């Protein structure tokens, strides 16, 4: 769960600069 949380947090942060990849 911790790693899944880190993955969600990282992809959410990247959604500002790489939304096409980060949001999926």
PDBML (XML) file of the C-alpha atoms, coordinates in Angstrom:
<?xml version="1.0" encoding="UTF-8" ?>
<PDBx:datablock datablockName="MODEL"
   xmlns:PDBx="http://pdbml.pdb.org/schema/pdbx-v50.xsd"
   xmlns:xsi="http://www.w3.org/2001/XMLSchema-instance"
   xsi:schemaLocation="http://pdbml.pdb.org/schema/pdbx-v50.xsd pdbx-v50.xsd">
   <PDBx:atom_siteCategory>
      <PDBx:atom_site id="1">
         <PDBx:B_iso_or_equiv>0.00</PDBx:B_iso_or_equiv>
         <PDBx:Cartn_x>0.000</PDBx:Cartn_x>
         <PDBx:Cartn_y>0.000</PDBx:Cartn_y>
         <PDBx:Cartn_z>0.000</PDBx:Cartn_z>
         <PDBx:auth_asym_id>A</PDBx:auth_asym_id>
         <PDBx:auth_atom_id>CA</PDBx:auth_atom_id>
         <PDBx:auth_comp_id>UNK</PDBx:auth_comp_id>
         <PDBx:auth_seq_id>1</PDBx:auth_seq_id>
         <PDBx:group_PDB>ATOM</PDBx:group_PDB>
         <PDBx:label_alt_id xsi:nil="true" />
         <PDBx:label_asym_id>A</PDBx:label_asym_id>
         <PDBx:label_atom_id>CA</PDBx:label_atom_id>
         <PDBx:label_comp_id>UNK</PDBx:label_comp_id>
         <PDBx:label_entity_id>1</PDBx:label_entity_id>
         <PDBx:label_seq_id>1</PDBx:label_seq_id>
         <PDBx:occupancy>1.00</PDBx:occupancy>
         <PDBx:pdbx_PDB_model_num>1</PDBx:pdbx_PDB_model_num>
         <PDBx:type_symbol>C</PDBx:type_symbol>
      </PDBx:atom_site>
      <PDBx:atom_site id="2">
         <PDBx:B_iso_or_equiv>0.00</PDBx:B_iso_or_equiv>
         <PDBx:Cartn_x>2.874</PDBx:Cartn_x>
         <PDBx:Cartn_y>2.369</PDBx:Cartn_y>
         <PDBx:Cartn_z>0.727</PDBx:Cartn_z>
         <PDBx:auth_asym_id>A</PDBx:auth_asym_id>
         <PDBx:auth_atom_id>CA</PDBx:auth_atom_id>
         <PDBx:auth_comp_id>UNK</PDBx:auth_comp_id>
         <PDBx:auth_seq_id>2</PDBx:auth_seq_id>
         <PDBx:group_PDB>ATOM</PDBx:group_PDB>
         <PDBx:label_alt_id xsi:nil="true" />
         <PDBx:label_asym_id>A</PDBx:label_asym_id>
         <PDBx:label_atom_id>CA</PDBx:label_atom_id>
         <PDBx:label_comp_id>UNK</PDBx:label_comp_id>
         <PDBx:label_entity_id>1</PDBx:label_entity_id>
         <PDBx:label_seq_id>2</PDBx:label_seq_id>
         <PDBx:occupancy>1.00</PDBx:occupancy>
         <PDBx:pdbx_PDB_model_num>1</PDBx:pdbx_PDB_model_num>
         <PDBx:type_symbol>C</PDBx:type_symbol>
      </PDBx:atom_site>
      <PDBx:atom_site id="3">
         <PDBx:B_iso_or_equiv>0.00</PDBx:B_iso_or_equiv>
         <PDBx:Cartn_x>4.351</PDBx:Cartn_x>
         <PDBx:Cartn_y>1.862</PDBx:Cartn_y>
         <PDBx:Cartn_z>-2.733</PDBx:Cartn_z>
         <PDBx:auth_asym_id>A</PDBx:auth_asym_id>
         <PDBx:auth_atom_id>CA</PDBx:auth_atom_id>
         <PDBx:auth_comp_id>UNK</PDBx:auth_comp_id>
         <PDBx:auth_seq_id>3</PDBx:auth_seq_id>
         <PDBx:group_PDB>ATOM</PDBx:group_PDB>
         <PDBx:label_alt_id xsi:nil="true" />
         <PDBx:label_asym_id>A</PDBx:label_asym_id>
         <PDBx:label_atom_id>CA</PDBx:label_atom_id>
         <PDBx:label_comp_id>UNK</PDBx:label_comp_id>
         <PDBx:label_entity_id>1</PDBx:label_entity_id>
         <PDBx:label_seq_id>3</PDBx:label_seq_id>
         <PDBx:occupancy>1.00</PDBx:occupancy>
         <PDBx:pdbx_PDB_model_num>1</PDBx:pdbx_PDB_model_num>
         <PDBx:type_symbol>C</PDBx:type_symbol>
      </PDBx:atom_site>
      <PDBx:atom_site id="4">
         <PDBx:B_iso_or_equiv>0.00</PDBx:B_iso_or_equiv>
         <PDBx:Cartn_x>0.938</PDBx:Cartn_x>
         <PDBx:Cartn_y>2.201</PDBx:Cartn_y>
         <PDBx:Cartn_z>-4.347</PDBx:Cartn_z>
         <PDBx:auth_asym_id>A</PDBx:auth_asym_id>
         <PDBx:auth_atom_id>CA</PDBx:auth_atom_id>
         <PDBx:auth_comp_id>UNK</PDBx:auth_comp_id>
         <PDBx:auth_seq_id>4</PDBx:auth_seq_id>
         <PDBx:group_PDB>ATOM</PDBx:group_PDB>
         <PDBx:label_alt_id xsi:nil="true" />
         <PDBx:label_asym_id>A</PDBx:label_asym_id>
         <PDBx:label_atom_id>CA</PDBx:label_atom_id>
         <PDBx:label_comp_id>UNK</PDBx:label_comp_id>
         <PDBx:label_entity_id>1</PDBx:label_entity_id>
         <PDBx:label_seq_id>4</PDBx:label_seq_id>
         <PDBx:occupancy>1.00</PDBx:occupancy>
         <PDBx:pdbx_PDB_model_num>1</PDBx:pdbx_PDB_model_num>
         <PDBx:type_symbol>C</PDBx:type_symbol>
      </PDBx:atom_site>
      <PDBx:atom_site id="5">
         <PDBx:B_iso_or_equiv>0.00</PDBx:B_iso_or_equiv>
         <PDBx:Cartn_x>0.518</PDBx:Cartn_x>
         <PDBx:Cartn_y>5.465</PDBx:Cartn_y>
         <PDBx:Cartn_z>-2.439</PDBx:Cartn_z>
         <PDBx:auth_asym_id>A</PDBx:auth_asym_id>
         <PDBx:auth_atom_id>CA</PDBx:auth_atom_id>
         <PDBx:auth_comp_id>UNK</PDBx:auth_comp_id>
         <PDBx:auth_seq_id>5</PDBx:auth_seq_id>
         <PDBx:group_PDB>ATOM</PDBx:group_PDB>
         <PDBx:label_alt_id xsi:nil="true" />
         <PDBx:label_asym_id>A</PDBx:label_asym_id>
         <PDBx:label_atom_id>CA</PDBx:label_atom_id>
         <PDBx:label_comp_id>UNK</PDBx:label_comp_id>
         <PDBx:label_entity_id>1</PDBx:label_entity_id>
         <PDBx:label_seq_id>5</PDBx:label_seq_id>
         <PDBx:occupancy>1.00</PDBx:occupancy>
         <PDBx:pdbx_PDB_model_num>1</PDBx:pdbx_PDB_model_num>
         <PDBx:type_symbol>C</PDBx:type_symbol>
      </PDBx:atom_site>
      <PDBx:atom_site id="6">
         <PDBx:B_iso_or_equiv>0.00</PDBx:B_iso_or_equiv>
         <PDBx:Cartn_x>3.905</PDBx:Cartn_x>
         <PDBx:Cartn_y>6.721</PDBx:Cartn_y>
         <PDBx:Cartn_z>-3.614</PDBx:Cartn_z>
         <PDBx:auth_asym_id>A</PDBx:auth_asym_id>
         <PDBx:auth_atom_id>CA</PDBx:auth_atom_id>
         <PDBx:auth_comp_id>UNK</PDBx:auth_comp_id>
         <PDBx:auth_seq_id>6</PDBx:auth_seq_id>
         <PDBx:group_PDB>ATOM</PDBx:group_PDB>
         <PDBx:label_alt_id xsi:nil="true" />
         <PDBx:label_asym_id>A</PDBx:label_asym_id>
         <PDBx:label_atom_id>CA</PDBx:label_atom_id>
         <PDBx:label_comp_id>UNK</PDBx:label_comp_id>
         <PDBx:label_entity_id>1</PDBx:label_entity_id>
         <PDBx:label_seq_id>6</PDBx:label_seq_id>
         <PDBx:occupancy>1.00</PDBx:occupancy>
         <PDBx:pdbx_PDB_model_num>1</PDBx:pdbx_PDB_model_num>
         <PDBx:type_symbol>C</PDBx:type_symbol>
      </PDBx:atom_site>
      <PDBx:atom_site id="7">
         <PDBx:B_iso_or_equiv>0.00</PDBx:B_iso_or_equiv>
         <PDBx:Cartn_x>2.939</PDBx:Cartn_x>
         <PDBx:Cartn_y>5.780</PDBx:Cartn_y>
         <PDBx:Cartn_z>-7.169</PDBx:Cartn_z>
         <PDBx:auth_asym_id>A</PDBx:auth_asym_id>
         <PDBx:auth_atom_id>CA</PDBx:auth_atom_id>
         <PDBx:auth_comp_id>UNK</PDBx:auth_comp_id>
         <PDBx:auth_seq_id>7</PDBx:auth_seq_id>
         <PDBx:group_PDB>ATOM</PDBx:group_PDB>
         <PDBx:label_alt_id xsi:nil="true" />
         <PDBx:label_asym_id>A</PDBx:label_asym_id>
         <PDBx:label_atom_id>CA</PDBx:label_atom_id>
         <PDBx:label_comp_id>UNK</PDBx:label_comp_id>
         <PDBx:label_entity_id>1</PDBx:label_entity_id>
         <PDBx:label_seq_id>7</PDBx:label_seq_id>
         <PDBx:occupancy>1.00</PDBx:occupancy>
         <PDBx:pdbx_PDB_model_num>1</PDBx:pdbx_PDB_model_num>
         <PDBx:type_symbol>C</PDBx:type_symbol>
      </PDBx:atom_site>
      <PDBx:atom_site id="8">
         <PDBx:B_iso_or_equiv>0.00</PDBx:B_iso_or_equiv>
         <PDBx:Cartn_x>-0.342</PDBx:Cartn_x>
         <PDBx:Cartn_y>7.685</PDBx:Cartn_y>
         <PDBx:Cartn_z>-6.929</PDBx:Cartn_z>
         <PDBx:auth_asym_id>A</PDBx:auth_asym_id>
         <PDBx:auth_atom_id>CA</PDBx:auth_atom_id>
         <PDBx:auth_comp_id>UNK</PDBx:auth_comp_id>
         <PDBx:auth_seq_id>8</PDBx:auth_seq_id>
         <PDBx:group_PDB>ATOM</PDBx:group_PDB>
         <PDBx:label_alt_id xsi:nil="true" />
         <PDBx:label_asym_id>A</PDBx:label_asym_id>
         <PDBx:label_atom_id>CA</PDBx:label_atom_id>
         <PDBx:label_comp_id>UNK</PDBx:label_comp_id>
         <PDBx:label_entity_id>1</PDBx:label_entity_id>
         <PDBx:label_seq_id>8</PDBx:label_seq_id>
         <PDBx:occupancy>1.00</PDBx:occupancy>
         <PDBx:pdbx_PDB_model_num>1</PDBx:pdbx_PDB_model_num>
         <PDBx:type_symbol>C</PDBx:type_symbol>
      </PDBx:atom_site>
      <PDBx:atom_site id="9">
         <PDBx:B_iso_or_equiv>0.00</PDBx:B_iso_or_equiv>
         <PDBx:Cartn_x>1.399</PDBx:Cartn_x>
         <PDBx:Cartn_y>10.696</PDBx:Cartn_y>
         <PDBx:Cartn_z>-5.413</PDBx:Cartn_z>
         <PDBx:auth_asym_id>A</PDBx:auth_asym_id>
         <PDBx:auth_atom_id>CA</PDBx:auth_atom_id>
         <PDBx:auth_comp_id>UNK</PDBx:auth_comp_id>
         <PDBx:auth_seq_id>9</PDBx:auth_seq_id>
         <PDBx:group_PDB>ATOM</PDBx:group_PDB>
         <PDBx:label_alt_id xsi:nil="true" />
         <PDBx:label_asym_id>A</PDBx:label_asym_id>
         <PDBx:label_atom_id>CA</PDBx:label_atom_id>
         <PDBx:label_comp_id>UNK</PDBx:label_comp_id>
         <PDBx:label_entity_id>1</PDBx:label_entity_id>
         <PDBx:label_seq_id>9</PDBx:label_seq_id>
         <PDBx:occupancy>1.00</PDBx:occupancy>
         <PDBx:pdbx_PDB_model_num>1</PDBx:pdbx_PDB_model_num>
         <PDBx:type_symbol>C</PDBx:type_symbol>
      </PDBx:atom_site>
      <PDBx:atom_site id="10">
         <PDBx:B_iso_or_equiv>0.00</PDBx:B_iso_or_equiv>
         <PDBx:Cartn_x>4.128</PDBx:Cartn_x>
         <PDBx:Cartn_y>10.725</PDBx:Cartn_y>
         <PDBx:Cartn_z>-8.065</PDBx:Cartn_z>
         <PDBx:auth_asym_id>A</PDBx:auth_asym_id>
         <PDBx:auth_atom_id>CA</PDBx:auth_atom_id>
         <PDBx:auth_comp_id>UNK</PDBx:auth_comp_id>
         <PDBx:auth_seq_id>10</PDBx:auth_seq_id>
         <PDBx:group_PDB>ATOM</PDBx:group_PDB>
         <PDBx:label_alt_id xsi:nil="true" />
         <PDBx:label_asym_id>A</PDBx:label_asym_id>
         <PDBx:label_atom_id>CA</PDBx:label_atom_id>
         <PDBx:label_comp_id>UNK</PDBx:label_comp_id>
         <PDBx:label_entity_id>1</PDBx:label_entity_id>
         <PDBx:label_seq_id>10</PDBx:label_seq_id>
         <PDBx:occupancy>1.00</PDBx:occupancy>
         <PDBx:pdbx_PDB_model_num>1</PDBx:pdbx_PDB_model_num>
         <PDBx:type_symbol>C</PDBx:type_symbol>
      </PDBx:atom_site>
      <PDBx:atom_site id="11">
         <PDBx:B_iso_or_equiv>0.00</PDBx:B_iso_or_equiv>
         <PDBx:Cartn_x>1.703</PDBx:Cartn_x>
         <PDBx:Cartn_y>10.376</PDBx:Cartn_y>
         <PDBx:Cartn_z>-10.974</PDBx:Cartn_z>
         <PDBx:auth_asym_id>A</PDBx:auth_asym_id>
         <PDBx:auth_atom_id>CA</PDBx:auth_atom_id>
         <PDBx:auth_comp_id>UNK</PDBx:auth_comp_id>
         <PDBx:auth_seq_id>11</PDBx:auth_seq_id>
         <PDBx:group_PDB>ATOM</PDBx:group_PDB>
         <PDBx:label_alt_id xsi:nil="true" />
         <PDBx:label_asym_id>A</PDBx:label_asym_id>
         <PDBx:label_atom_id>CA</PDBx:label_atom_id>
         <PDBx:label_comp_id>UNK</PDBx:label_comp_id>
         <PDBx:label_entity_id>1</PDBx:label_entity_id>
         <PDBx:label_seq_id>11</PDBx:label_seq_id>
         <PDBx:occupancy>1.00</PDBx:occupancy>
         <PDBx:pdbx_PDB_model_num>1</PDBx:pdbx_PDB_model_num>
         <PDBx:type_symbol>C</PDBx:type_symbol>
      </PDBx:atom_site>
      <PDBx:atom_site id="12">
         <PDBx:B_iso_or_equiv>0.00</PDBx:B_iso_or_equiv>
         <PDBx:Cartn_x>-0.532</PDBx:Cartn_x>
         <PDBx:Cartn_y>13.103</PDBx:Cartn_y>
         <PDBx:Cartn_z>-9.505</PDBx:Cartn_z>
         <PDBx:auth_asym_id>A</PDBx:auth_asym_id>
         <PDBx:auth_atom_id>CA</PDBx:auth_atom_id>
         <PDBx:auth_comp_id>UNK</PDBx:auth_comp_id>
         <PDBx:auth_seq_id>12</PDBx:auth_seq_id>
         <PDBx:group_PDB>ATOM</PDBx:group_PDB>
         <PDBx:label_alt_id xsi:nil="true" />
         <PDBx:label_asym_id>A</PDBx:label_asym_id>
         <PDBx:label_atom_id>CA</PDBx:label_atom_id>
         <PDBx:label_comp_id>UNK</PDBx:label_comp_id>
         <PDBx:label_entity_id>1</PDBx:label_entity_id>
         <PDBx:label_seq_id>12</PDBx:label_seq_id>
         <PDBx:occupancy>1.00</PDBx:occupancy>
         <PDBx:pdbx_PDB_model_num>1</PDBx:pdbx_PDB_model_num>
         <PDBx:type_symbol>C</PDBx:type_symbol>
      </PDBx:atom_site>
      <PDBx:atom_site id="13">
         <PDBx:B_iso_or_equiv>0.00</PDBx:B_iso_or_equiv>
         <PDBx:Cartn_x>2.463</PDBx:Cartn_x>
         <PDBx:Cartn_y>15.415</PDBx:Cartn_y>
         <PDBx:Cartn_z>-9.237</PDBx:Cartn_z>
         <PDBx:auth_asym_id>A</PDBx:auth_asym_id>
         <PDBx:auth_atom_id>CA</PDBx:auth_atom_id>
         <PDBx:auth_comp_id>UNK</PDBx:auth_comp_id>
         <PDBx:auth_seq_id>13</PDBx:auth_seq_id>
         <PDBx:group_PDB>ATOM</PDBx:group_PDB>
         <PDBx:label_alt_id xsi:nil="true" />
         <PDBx:label_asym_id>A</PDBx:label_asym_id>
         <PDBx:label_atom_id>CA</PDBx:label_atom_id>
         <PDBx:label_comp_id>UNK</PDBx:label_comp_id>
         <PDBx:label_entity_id>1</PDBx:label_entity_id>
         <PDBx:label_seq_id>13</PDBx:label_seq_id>
         <PDBx:occupancy>1.00</PDBx:occupancy>
         <PDBx:pdbx_PDB_model_num>1</PDBx:pdbx_PDB_model_num>
         <PDBx:type_symbol>C</PDBx:type_symbol>
      </PDBx:atom_site>
      <PDBx:atom_site id="14">
         <PDBx:B_iso_or_equiv>0.00</PDBx:B_iso_or_equiv>
         <PDBx:Cartn_x>3.585</PDBx:Cartn_x>
         <PDBx:Cartn_y>14.623</PDBx:Cartn_y>
         <PDBx:Cartn_z>-12.795</PDBx:Cartn_z>
         <PDBx:auth_asym_id>A</PDBx:auth_asym_id>
         <PDBx:auth_atom_id>CA</PDBx:auth_atom_id>
         <PDBx:auth_comp_id>UNK</PDBx:auth_comp_id>
         <PDBx:auth_seq_id>14</PDBx:auth_seq_id>
         <PDBx:group_PDB>ATOM</PDBx:group_PDB>
         <PDBx:label_alt_id xsi:nil="true" />
         <PDBx:label_asym_id>A</PDBx:label_asym_id>
         <PDBx:label_atom_id>CA</PDBx:label_atom_id>
         <PDBx:label_comp_id>UNK</PDBx:label_comp_id>
         <PDBx:label_entity_id>1</PDBx:label_entity_id>
         <PDBx:label_seq_id>14</PDBx:label_seq_id>
         <PDBx:occupancy>1.00</PDBx:occupancy>
         <PDBx:pdbx_PDB_model_num>1</PDBx:pdbx_PDB_model_num>
         <PDBx:type_symbol>C</PDBx:type_symbol>
      </PDBx:atom_site>
      <PDBx:atom_site id="15">
         <PDBx:B_iso_or_equiv>0.00</PDBx:B_iso_or_equiv>
         <PDBx:Cartn_x>0.080</PDBx:Cartn_x>
         <PDBx:Cartn_y>15.366</PDBx:Cartn_y>
         <PDBx:Cartn_z>-14.073</PDBx:Cartn_z>
         <PDBx:auth_asym_id>A</PDBx:auth_asym_id>
         <PDBx:auth_atom_id>CA</PDBx:auth_atom_id>
         <PDBx:auth_comp_id>UNK</PDBx:auth_comp_id>
         <PDBx:auth_seq_id>15</PDBx:auth_seq_id>
         <PDBx:group_PDB>ATOM</PDBx:group_PDB>
         <PDBx:label_alt_id xsi:nil="true" />
         <PDBx:label_asym_id>A</PDBx:label_asym_id>
         <PDBx:label_atom_id>CA</PDBx:label_atom_id>
         <PDBx:label_comp_id>UNK</PDBx:label_comp_id>
         <PDBx:label_entity_id>1</PDBx:label_entity_id>
         <PDBx:label_seq_id>15</PDBx:label_seq_id>
         <PDBx:occupancy>1.00</PDBx:occupancy>
         <PDBx:pdbx_PDB_model_num>1</PDBx:pdbx_PDB_model_num>
         <PDBx:type_symbol>C</PDBx:type_symbol>
      </PDBx:atom_site>
      <PDBx:atom_site id="16">
         <PDBx:B_iso_or_equiv>0.00</PDBx:B_iso_or_equiv>
         <PDBx:Cartn_x>1.032</PDBx:Cartn_x>
         <PDBx:Cartn_y>19.064</PDBx:Cartn_y>
         <PDBx:Cartn_z>-14.074</PDBx:Cartn_z>
         <PDBx:auth_asym_id>A</PDBx:auth_asym_id>
         <PDBx:auth_atom_id>CA</PDBx:auth_atom_id>
         <PDBx:auth_comp_id>UNK</PDBx:auth_comp_id>
         <PDBx:auth_seq_id>16</PDBx:auth_seq_id>
         <PDBx:group_PDB>ATOM</PDBx:group_PDB>
         <PDBx:label_alt_id xsi:nil="true" />
         <PDBx:label_asym_id>A</PDBx:label_asym_id>
         <PDBx:label_atom_id>CA</PDBx:label_atom_id>
         <PDBx:label_comp_id>UNK</PDBx:label_comp_id>
         <PDBx:label_entity_id>1</PDBx:label_entity_id>
         <PDBx:label_seq_id>16</PDBx:label_seq_id>
         <PDBx:occupancy>1.00</PDBx:occupancy>
         <PDBx:pdbx_PDB_model_num>1</PDBx:pdbx_PDB_model_num>
         <PDBx:type_symbol>C</PDBx:type_symbol>
      </PDBx:atom_site>
      <PDBx:atom_site id="17">
         <PDBx:B_iso_or_equiv>0.00</PDBx:B_iso_or_equiv>
         <PDBx:Cartn_x>3.775</PDBx:Cartn_x>
         <PDBx:Cartn_y>18.554</PDBx:Cartn_y>
         <PDBx:Cartn_z>-16.677</PDBx:Cartn_z>
         <PDBx:auth_asym_id>A</PDBx:auth_asym_id>
         <PDBx:auth_atom_id>CA</PDBx:auth_atom_id>
         <PDBx:auth_comp_id>UNK</PDBx:auth_comp_id>
         <PDBx:auth_seq_id>17</PDBx:auth_seq_id>
         <PDBx:group_PDB>ATOM</PDBx:group_PDB>
         <PDBx:label_alt_id xsi:nil="true" />
         <PDBx:label_asym_id>A</PDBx:label_asym_id>
         <PDBx:label_atom_id>CA</PDBx:label_atom_id>
         <PDBx:label_comp_id>UNK</PDBx:label_comp_id>
         <PDBx:label_entity_id>1</PDBx:label_entity_id>
         <PDBx:label_seq_id>17</PDBx:label_seq_id>
         <PDBx:occupancy>1.00</PDBx:occupancy>
         <PDBx:pdbx_PDB_model_num>1</PDBx:pdbx_PDB_model_num>
         <PDBx:type_symbol>C</PDBx:type_symbol>
      </PDBx:atom_site>
      <PDBx:atom_site id="18">
         <PDBx:B_iso_or_equiv>0.00</PDBx:B_iso_or_equiv>
         <PDBx:Cartn_x>3.032</PDBx:Cartn_x>
         <PDBx:Cartn_y>15.169</PDBx:Cartn_y>
         <PDBx:Cartn_z>-18.315</PDBx:Cartn_z>
         <PDBx:auth_asym_id>A</PDBx:auth_asym_id>
         <PDBx:auth_atom_id>CA</PDBx:auth_atom_id>
         <PDBx:auth_comp_id>UNK</PDBx:auth_comp_id>
         <PDBx:auth_seq_id>18</PDBx:auth_seq_id>
         <PDBx:group_PDB>ATOM</PDBx:group_PDB>
         <PDBx:label_alt_id xsi:nil="true" />
         <PDBx:label_asym_id>A</PDBx:label_asym_id>
         <PDBx:label_atom_id>CA</PDBx:label_atom_id>
         <PDBx:label_comp_id>UNK</PDBx:label_comp_id>
         <PDBx:label_entity_id>1</PDBx:label_entity_id>
         <PDBx:label_seq_id>18</PDBx:label_seq_id>
         <PDBx:occupancy>1.00</PDBx:occupancy>
         <PDBx:pdbx_PDB_model_num>1</PDBx:pdbx_PDB_model_num>
         <PDBx:type_symbol>C</PDBx:type_symbol>
      </PDBx:atom_site>
      <PDBx:atom_site id="19">
         <PDBx:B_iso_or_equiv>0.00</PDBx:B_iso_or_equiv>
         <PDBx:Cartn_x>-0.759</PDBx:Cartn_x>
         <PDBx:Cartn_y>14.751</PDBx:Cartn_y>
         <PDBx:Cartn_z>-18.035</PDBx:Cartn_z>
         <PDBx:auth_asym_id>A</PDBx:auth_asym_id>
         <PDBx:auth_atom_id>CA</PDBx:auth_atom_id>
         <PDBx:auth_comp_id>UNK</PDBx:auth_comp_id>
         <PDBx:auth_seq_id>19</PDBx:auth_seq_id>
         <PDBx:group_PDB>ATOM</PDBx:group_PDB>
         <PDBx:label_alt_id xsi:nil="true" />
         <PDBx:label_asym_id>A</PDBx:label_asym_id>
         <PDBx:label_atom_id>CA</PDBx:label_atom_id>
         <PDBx:label_comp_id>UNK</PDBx:label_comp_id>
         <PDBx:label_entity_id>1</PDBx:label_entity_id>
         <PDBx:label_seq_id>19</PDBx:label_seq_id>
         <PDBx:occupancy>1.00</PDBx:occupancy>
         <PDBx:pdbx_PDB_model_num>1</PDBx:pdbx_PDB_model_num>
         <PDBx:type_symbol>C</PDBx:type_symbol>
      </PDBx:atom_site>
      <PDBx:atom_site id="20">
         <PDBx:B_iso_or_equiv>0.00</PDBx:B_iso_or_equiv>
         <PDBx:Cartn_x>-1.139</PDBx:Cartn_x>
         <PDBx:Cartn_y>12.428</PDBx:Cartn_y>
         <PDBx:Cartn_z>-21.027</PDBx:Cartn_z>
         <PDBx:auth_asym_id>A</PDBx:auth_asym_id>
         <PDBx:auth_atom_id>CA</PDBx:auth_atom_id>
         <PDBx:auth_comp_id>UNK</PDBx:auth_comp_id>
         <PDBx:auth_seq_id>20</PDBx:auth_seq_id>
         <PDBx:group_PDB>ATOM</PDBx:group_PDB>
         <PDBx:label_alt_id xsi:nil="true" />
         <PDBx:label_asym_id>A</PDBx:label_asym_id>
         <PDBx:label_atom_id>CA</PDBx:label_atom_id>
         <PDBx:label_comp_id>UNK</PDBx:label_comp_id>
         <PDBx:label_entity_id>1</PDBx:label_entity_id>
         <PDBx:label_seq_id>20</PDBx:label_seq_id>
         <PDBx:occupancy>1.00</PDBx:occupancy>
         <PDBx:pdbx_PDB_model_num>1</PDBx:pdbx_PDB_model_num>
         <PDBx:type_symbol>C</PDBx:type_symbol>
      </PDBx:atom_site>
      <PDBx:atom_site id="21">
         <PDBx:B_iso_or_equiv>0.00</PDBx:B_iso_or_equiv>
         <PDBx:Cartn_x>1.041</PDBx:Cartn_x>
         <PDBx:Cartn_y>9.825</PDBx:Cartn_y>
         <PDBx:Cartn_z>-19.336</PDBx:Cartn_z>
         <PDBx:auth_asym_id>A</PDBx:auth_asym_id>
         <PDBx:auth_atom_id>CA</PDBx:auth_atom_id>
         <PDBx:auth_comp_id>UNK</PDBx:auth_comp_id>
         <PDBx:auth_seq_id>21</PDBx:auth_seq_id>
         <PDBx:group_PDB>ATOM</PDBx:group_PDB>
         <PDBx:label_alt_id xsi:nil="true" />
         <PDBx:label_asym_id>A</PDBx:label_asym_id>
         <PDBx:label_atom_id>CA</PDBx:label_atom_id>
         <PDBx:label_comp_id>UNK</PDBx:label_comp_id>
         <PDBx:label_entity_id>1</PDBx:label_entity_id>
         <PDBx:label_seq_id>21</PDBx:label_seq_id>
         <PDBx:occupancy>1.00</PDBx:occupancy>
         <PDBx:pdbx_PDB_model_num>1</PDBx:pdbx_PDB_model_num>
         <PDBx:type_symbol>C</PDBx:type_symbol>
      </PDBx:atom_site>
      <PDBx:atom_site id="22">
         <PDBx:B_iso_or_equiv>0.00</PDBx:B_iso_or_equiv>
         <PDBx:Cartn_x>0.529</PDBx:Cartn_x>
         <PDBx:Cartn_y>10.675</PDBx:Cartn_y>
         <PDBx:Cartn_z>-15.678</PDBx:Cartn_z>
         <PDBx:auth_asym_id>A</PDBx:auth_asym_id>
         <PDBx:auth_atom_id>CA</PDBx:auth_atom_id>
         <PDBx:auth_comp_id>UNK</PDBx:auth_comp_id>
         <PDBx:auth_seq_id>22</PDBx:auth_seq_id>
         <PDBx:group_PDB>ATOM</PDBx:group_PDB>
         <PDBx:label_alt_id xsi:nil="true" />
         <PDBx:label_asym_id>A</PDBx:label_asym_id>
         <PDBx:label_atom_id>CA</PDBx:label_atom_id>
         <PDBx:label_comp_id>UNK</PDBx:label_comp_id>
         <PDBx:label_entity_id>1</PDBx:label_entity_id>
         <PDBx:label_seq_id>22</PDBx:label_seq_id>
         <PDBx:occupancy>1.00</PDBx:occupancy>
         <PDBx:pdbx_PDB_model_num>1</PDBx:pdbx_PDB_model_num>
         <PDBx:type_symbol>C</PDBx:type_symbol>
      </PDBx:atom_site>
      <PDBx:atom_site id="23">
         <PDBx:B_iso_or_equiv>0.00</PDBx:B_iso_or_equiv>
         <PDBx:Cartn_x>-3.276</PDBx:Cartn_x>
         <PDBx:Cartn_y>10.690</PDBx:Cartn_y>
         <PDBx:Cartn_z>-15.451</PDBx:Cartn_z>
         <PDBx:auth_asym_id>A</PDBx:auth_asym_id>
         <PDBx:auth_atom_id>CA</PDBx:auth_atom_id>
         <PDBx:auth_comp_id>UNK</PDBx:auth_comp_id>
         <PDBx:auth_seq_id>23</PDBx:auth_seq_id>
         <PDBx:group_PDB>ATOM</PDBx:group_PDB>
         <PDBx:label_alt_id xsi:nil="true" />
         <PDBx:label_asym_id>A</PDBx:label_asym_id>
         <PDBx:label_atom_id>CA</PDBx:label_atom_id>
         <PDBx:label_comp_id>UNK</PDBx:label_comp_id>
         <PDBx:label_entity_id>1</PDBx:label_entity_id>
         <PDBx:label_seq_id>23</PDBx:label_seq_id>
         <PDBx:occupancy>1.00</PDBx:occupancy>
         <PDBx:pdbx_PDB_model_num>1</PDBx:pdbx_PDB_model_num>
         <PDBx:type_symbol>C</PDBx:type_symbol>
      </PDBx:atom_site>
      <PDBx:atom_site id="24">
         <PDBx:B_iso_or_equiv>0.00</PDBx:B_iso_or_equiv>
         <PDBx:Cartn_x>-3.724</PDBx:Cartn_x>
         <PDBx:Cartn_y>7.125</PDBx:Cartn_y>
         <PDBx:Cartn_z>-16.809</PDBx:Cartn_z>
         <PDBx:auth_asym_id>A</PDBx:auth_asym_id>
         <PDBx:auth_atom_id>CA</PDBx:auth_atom_id>
         <PDBx:auth_comp_id>UNK</PDBx:auth_comp_id>
         <PDBx:auth_seq_id>24</PDBx:auth_seq_id>
         <PDBx:group_PDB>ATOM</PDBx:group_PDB>
         <PDBx:label_alt_id xsi:nil="true" />
         <PDBx:label_asym_id>A</PDBx:label_asym_id>
         <PDBx:label_atom_id>CA</PDBx:label_atom_id>
         <PDBx:label_comp_id>UNK</PDBx:label_comp_id>
         <PDBx:label_entity_id>1</PDBx:label_entity_id>
         <PDBx:label_seq_id>24</PDBx:label_seq_id>
         <PDBx:occupancy>1.00</PDBx:occupancy>
         <PDBx:pdbx_PDB_model_num>1</PDBx:pdbx_PDB_model_num>
         <PDBx:type_symbol>C</PDBx:type_symbol>
      </PDBx:atom_site>
   </PDBx:atom_siteCategory>
</PDBx:datablock>
